[in-house]
């Protein structure tokens, strides 16, 4: 996908995945849905959010305080100090 370095119209950025869901496994499926003419004209670059899927960040204390909210801000007491 990103190997079309001579794309005449530039780069097309695509955010893959969703909140808490990895996107790396979806890149081929998404790329095949584009019209081939688009992929000739643009260099397709897909970005998967950091900290999703198997490599997700694990922060038990803030996650327990926040629950399922993706908008709540945990209190500083929920974030342990480094040793």
C-alpha atoms as a PDB file:
ATOM      1  CA  UNK A   1       0.000   0.000   0.000  1.00  0.00           C
ATOM      2  CA  UNK A   2       2.563   2.588   1.063  1.00  0.00           C
ATOM      3  CA  UNK A   3       4.931   1.342  -1.638  1.00  0.00           C
ATOM      4  CA  UNK A   4       3.398   3.610  -4.305  1.00  0.00           C
ATOM      5  CA  UNK A   5       6.078   6.243  -3.733  1.00  0.00           C
ATOM      6  CA  UNK A   6       5.544   7.797  -7.168  1.00  0.00           C
ATOM      7  CA  UNK A   7       1.853   8.536  -6.507  1.00  0.00           C
ATOM      8  CA  UNK A   8       1.069  11.577  -8.655  1.00  0.00           C
ATOM      9  CA  UNK A   9      -1.636  13.007  -6.352  1.00  0.00           C
ATOM     10  CA  UNK A  10       0.096  12.506  -2.993  1.00  0.00           C
ATOM     11  CA  UNK A  11      -0.698  10.588   0.164  1.00  0.00           C
ATOM     12  CA  UNK A  12      -4.078   9.345   1.350  1.00  0.00           C
ATOM     13  CA  UNK A  13      -4.058   8.794   5.134  1.00  0.00           C
ATOM     14  CA  UNK A  14      -6.518   6.325   6.647  1.00  0.00           C
ATOM     15  CA  UNK A  15      -7.068   5.799  10.377  1.00  0.00           C
ATOM     16  CA  UNK A  16      -7.626   2.064  10.858  1.00  0.00           C
ATOM     17  CA  UNK A  17      -9.452   0.459  13.771  1.00  0.00           C
ATOM     18  CA  UNK A  18     -11.514   2.090  16.445  1.00  0.00           C
ATOM     19  CA  UNK A  19     -11.550   2.865  20.129  1.00  0.00           C
ATOM     20  CA  UNK A  20      -9.691  -0.020  21.705  1.00  0.00           C
ATOM     21  CA  UNK A  21      -9.701  -2.092  18.529  1.00  0.00           C
ATOM     22  CA  UNK A  22      -6.554  -2.784  16.506  1.00  0.00           C
ATOM     23  CA  UNK A  23      -6.557  -2.020  12.805  1.00  0.00           C
ATOM     24  CA  UNK A  24      -3.458  -3.780  11.494  1.00  0.00           C
ATOM     25  CA  UNK A  25      -5.398  -6.915  10.548  1.00  0.00           C
ATOM     26  CA  UNK A  26      -7.894  -4.847   8.553  1.00  0.00           C
ATOM     27  CA  UNK A  27      -5.474  -3.054   6.233  1.00  0.00           C
ATOM     28  CA  UNK A  28      -5.698  -5.548   3.348  1.00  0.00           C
ATOM     29  CA  UNK A  29      -9.500  -5.685   3.560  1.00  0.00           C
ATOM     30  CA  UNK A  30      -9.754  -1.892   3.481  1.00  0.00           C
ATOM     31  CA  UNK A  31      -7.212  -1.498   0.665  1.00  0.00           C
ATOM     32  CA  UNK A  32      -9.147  -3.953  -1.534  1.00  0.00           C
ATOM     33  CA  UNK A  33     -12.267  -1.796  -1.205  1.00  0.00           C
ATOM     34  CA  UNK A  34     -10.607   1.160  -2.942  1.00  0.00           C
ATOM     35  CA  UNK A  35     -10.998   1.676  -6.661  1.00  0.00           C
ATOM     36  CA  UNK A  36      -7.679   0.625  -8.273  1.00  0.00           C
ATOM     37  CA  UNK A  37      -7.474   4.070  -9.921  1.00  0.00           C
ATOM     38  CA  UNK A  38      -7.351   5.667  -6.466  1.00  0.00           C
ATOM     39  CA  UNK A  39      -4.465   3.421  -5.439  1.00  0.00           C
ATOM     40  CA  UNK A  40      -2.604   4.321  -8.640  1.00  0.00           C
ATOM     41  CA  UNK A  41      -2.992   8.042  -7.936  1.00  0.00           C
ATOM     42  CA  UNK A  42      -2.431   8.046  -4.165  1.00  0.00           C
ATOM     43  CA  UNK A  43       0.025   6.455  -1.789  1.00  0.00           C
ATOM     44  CA  UNK A  44      -2.234   4.777   0.798  1.00  0.00           C
ATOM     45  CA  UNK A  45      -0.888   4.967   4.353  1.00  0.00           C
ATOM     46  CA  UNK A  46      -2.904   3.374   7.159  1.00  0.00           C
ATOM     47  CA  UNK A  47      -2.346   4.238  10.798  1.00  0.00           C
ATOM     48  CA  UNK A  48      -3.453   2.028  13.687  1.00  0.00           C
ATOM     49  CA  UNK A  49      -3.856   3.728  17.054  1.00  0.00           C
ATOM     50  CA  UNK A  50      -1.167   3.097  19.630  1.00  0.00           C
ATOM     51  CA  UNK A  51      -2.114   0.922  22.566  1.00  0.00           C
ATOM     52  CA  UNK A  52      -4.864  -1.131  20.922  1.00  0.00           C
ATOM     53  CA  UNK A  53      -5.280  -4.864  20.426  1.00  0.00           C
ATOM     54  CA  UNK A  54      -2.795  -7.380  21.810  1.00  0.00           C
ATOM     55  CA  UNK A  55      -0.248  -4.652  22.531  1.00  0.00           C
ATOM     56  CA  UNK A  56      -2.713  -2.477  24.450  1.00  0.00           C
ATOM     57  CA  UNK A  57      -1.473  -0.462  27.359  1.00  0.00           C
ATOM     58  CA  UNK A  58      -2.409  -1.898  30.738  1.00  0.00           C
ATOM     59  CA  UNK A  59      -3.116   0.674  33.442  1.00  0.00           C
ATOM     60  CA  UNK A  60      -5.304  -1.205  35.943  1.00  0.00           C
ATOM     61  CA  UNK A  61      -5.849   1.569  38.489  1.00  0.00           C
ATOM     62  CA  UNK A  62      -6.989   4.317  36.076  1.00  0.00           C
ATOM     63  CA  UNK A  63      -9.001   1.781  34.062  1.00  0.00           C
ATOM     64  CA  UNK A  64     -10.824   0.649  37.209  1.00  0.00           C
ATOM     65  CA  UNK A  65     -11.679   4.242  38.162  1.00  0.00           C
ATOM     66  CA  UNK A  66     -12.757   5.239  34.635  1.00  0.00           C
ATOM     67  CA  UNK A  67     -14.682   2.079  33.740  1.00  0.00           C
ATOM     68  CA  UNK A  68     -15.852   2.104  30.124  1.00  0.00           C
ATOM     69  CA  UNK A  69     -15.659   5.879  29.737  1.00  0.00           C
ATOM     70  CA  UNK A  70     -13.371   7.230  27.050  1.00  0.00           C
ATOM     71  CA  UNK A  71     -13.948  10.792  28.249  1.00  0.00           C
ATOM     72  CA  UNK A  72     -13.508  10.654  32.011  1.00  0.00           C
ATOM     73  CA  UNK A  73     -10.228  11.839  33.460  1.00  0.00           C
ATOM     74  CA  UNK A  74      -8.974   9.742  36.367  1.00  0.00           C
ATOM     75  CA  UNK A  75      -7.920  11.557  39.526  1.00  0.00           C
ATOM     76  CA  UNK A  76      -4.182  11.809  40.073  1.00  0.00           C
ATOM     77  CA  UNK A  77      -4.537   9.358  42.981  1.00  0.00           C
ATOM     78  CA  UNK A  78      -5.396   6.611  40.437  1.00  0.00           C
ATOM     79  CA  UNK A  79      -2.041   6.999  38.692  1.00  0.00           C
ATOM     80  CA  UNK A  80       0.730   5.298  40.639  1.00  0.00           C
ATOM     81  CA  UNK A  81       4.002   7.127  41.118  1.00  0.00           C
ATOM     82  CA  UNK A  82       7.099   5.502  39.594  1.00  0.00           C
ATOM     83  CA  UNK A  83       9.417   3.783  42.079  1.00  0.00           C
END
